[in-house]
Amino acid sequence: MKTAMILHLMLLCIALIHGATTKHYIVYMGEHSYPTTEAVISSNYELLTEITGVDEDARKAAVHHYSKSFRGFSALLTPQQADKLSSLEAQNTCNSCLIERKRLTIIFHAIPERSGVISVIESKTNQVHTTRSWDFLEPGIVHPGGLAGNSYSDNDVIDVVIGVIDTGVWPESKMFNDFGLGPVPKRFKGECVTGERFTLANCNRKIIGARYYSQGFEAENGPLESHGELFFRSARDTDGHGTHTASTAAGKSAVNASYLGIATGTARGGAPGARLAIYKACWFNQCSDADLLAAFDDAARDGVDIISLSVGPTPPQHDFFNDAISIAAFHAFRKGVLVSASAGNSGLPGTVINVAPWILTVGASSIDRIFVSDVVLGNDKILKGQALNPLDLKGFYGVIPGSAAPLPTIPAANASFCKSNTLEPKLIAGKIVVCTIEKITENRTAKSEVVKEGGGVGMILVDPIAKDVGFQFVIPATVIGQEEALELQTYLSTEKNPVATIYPTSTILNVKPAPKMAVFSSAGPSIISPDVIKPDITAPGLNILAAWSPVATKGAAGRSVNFNIISGTSMSCPHVSGAAALVKANHPSWSAMAVKSALMTTATRLDNTKGSILRDPQGSSTSPFDLGSGHLNPLAAIDPGLVYDFDTKDIITFLCGSGATPEQLQNLTGEAICCKIGLVEAYNLNYPSIGVANLRGRVSVYRTVTNYGTSRSTYLPSVELPWGVQISIAPSKLKFSHIGEKQTFRVDLTVKKPSNGSFVFGSITWSDGKYQVFTPIAVNATSIY
């Protein structure tokens, strides 16, 4: 606590010294060759002193130092000081680049070690993207490699380390017990950092590392104490989100898990034998860029194999080169770490985030389970509702629309939204209130709080868009769709004294069709790099049960629970992280991108009725911009047959082909890079999907696959043609004679009919009779010439 108080006072002093004109900036300096962290920090202070003029001011201004995976620091600076630092940026001259007509030559230049400023970026705030799901994914999967029916249990120790960057962890959850796990892997270099209500005893052979970072958040938002919410200055989770994601990825089995009796069963993570390293960089569900960078810096150095990140910026994401997550993930990728990240919860086309090709971007879909909370009207008609409603209303009560109970100064339309200070308590007391949605982003729980404060006993929420999301309320309440709303309106308009009751939630399993894409899951195309299909894959993210922090009552409708059911791409991301751990455990020598390829090419496009996966709420058709390569199939990914792979040099080639400037490349990589733009097209990145954002006439796309299936095998292609586009493949078959052999094929795309500015979709599936290697295609056929 003494250290915490000192930090608190330092932040207050910084605010007083610099006043309201300071902002929090990240000074990125790329790779370095300093022998120790201390040497990096000393050099950072020396540089910062040149800007502040006084060493003491430099030390007070500094917030974070990045010294492990890359060099840099963050500091509270005036815009003028930031500009002065920017003027020290190393110049990237391309006079010495060798340009040849038929190949791309990339030259890396060393950056002067002492100044070495690559870019100065204002630190911004990111948001977290807030059981049965694994049972739905694994049993009954028909895998051509012979793994059907197999699964992973708590006893399968795999010694893969998943680093979870989130809101921390509640270590006492039984999903984090270490029974049956062996010693901590020797290669792991992380720490168990103690703090408020977090001791060395809170780490074990499951949670093998724990760190926390608050300096960036406090520099931008003020001391943690000023926010009026419960927190612990340690890796202990008071928001619940981090506990949920960590247990989803690698939690041990917990029998009789439920949310207040709802969804009772055995909860477990995807890789229960994997280890967890916790990096708490988010507070009150908000995450500073500067803190996220510090977490990435430590995680990559600590020796994690996978980073699970259920966090992202507000869309649209503008570029890779000034985006802290993209830069940090690039350095992790360089070190062989797979970064699995949520695609975002904005729901609309073009809003997908975390879209860098070196990131595995995850959308959200449903499982075969729904939570039903029906309404029974006084005329005995039943309205189908869905909610997480553990409360029993016990009897019938009068029903009144919010629009019929406005305060004297409030328009009826405004009162229908059931917002604070809009409803007349005298009219709603003792009644069930019918509320509506004004914006899809509204807080549904808050509406029930308003009804409760006014004396209402229940709530029926009309929400046609998000009716399948399991919302939680403080009074008996449920959510109905448009068809039910019309039935309710008819009843209210014809019955003089309408009454109703709301049943507590019952859990329905084996629902069909499933999965479906969740209404909130952000969709492509990526506005930054439309030649790369994003998201990459989808996984369960709707109404997911997992461990929770019992003090995080705000995220559980005011209730203290050990397990919670929540939705978001935040929940789908750790499903993929857990599956990636299984693949890595079976193929420890594989690169991060090979693991990513295995997950993508084995994903399924069919639901449990053998039909194409649809999208909520209307059951509309989907495309690769919704579900990427398909729905996660974790067991099939362990044995994918063929694998696509690419490395750092391939990424530089891709960025050059995308038109990146030398300055942009330096911002990302930390090195001076010169390249001939346009000689290698961006769509020729060896990605497990094929995208061409501007298909004119005929284009040839190249891909290379590595054989990890049967040593002697021959693969034949099956093609699904995009509308108006002809496809030919050469060679017409891929013959392999040994494991590890590589084969390159060419895909010729020819426009027969322009698609009028819209993308059209197809696929290629390579099969040898045992394996099915799927590659989706998305092209914008702009012209036949």
Foldseek 3Di string as FASTA:
>chain_A
DVVLVVLQVLLVVLCVVVPPQWAKKKFFQFAADDPDQVVLVVLQLVLQCVLVVDSVNSVSFWQAFFDFLGGITMGTDGVVSQVVLQVLAFDFDCPPADDDQFDKDKDFDDGPRRSRGQHMAGKDKWFFWKQVQVVQQAAPDDFLQPCHRDADALQPALLAEEEEEAAAAALPQQQQDQPNADARPPLFQAAADDFFVGDPVSDDNAAPAFFEGCRQVCSHPNRPVVPPDDDTPTRHGLQFLRRFLSFQQATHWDAQDDQLPASGGIGGHRHPNYHYHYYRQDDPRMGILNSVLNSLSRVLRRDHQEYFESMDHFDDDDELLNRSVSLSLQSSLQSQHAYFYEQFQQQDEQGGPPPQLSHQYAWAWAGQKFKWKWKQKPVRDIATWGAQFQDFLPDKWFEDELLVFFDPVAHSVVSLQQAANTGALVVQARHEYEHEHPDPPDDPQRSLVSSVVSRHQEYEYEDQFQRRAHYAYQHHYTYGYDVSVVVVVVCVVPDPTMMMTIGHIDMDGPHPFDIAGESRTYFYDHPHCNQDAPNAFYGHFGFDKGATQQSSCVRVNNGRGGIGTMGGSSSGRSNLSSLLSLLCSLPVPDGSQQSSQLFQQPADQATPVRHGHAHPDPRHHDACRRGRSHYGNSVNSNAAFKTFDDGDVLSVVLCLQSPDDQSSVCSRNSIRMDINHNSDHNQQRQHLAGEAAEAAFKDKHKHKIFGPHDQWFKKAKDKFDWPQKDKDKPPRMDTGRGGGDMDMMMIMIGGRDFPVNAKTKMWMWIDRPSHTGIYIYIYHYHYND
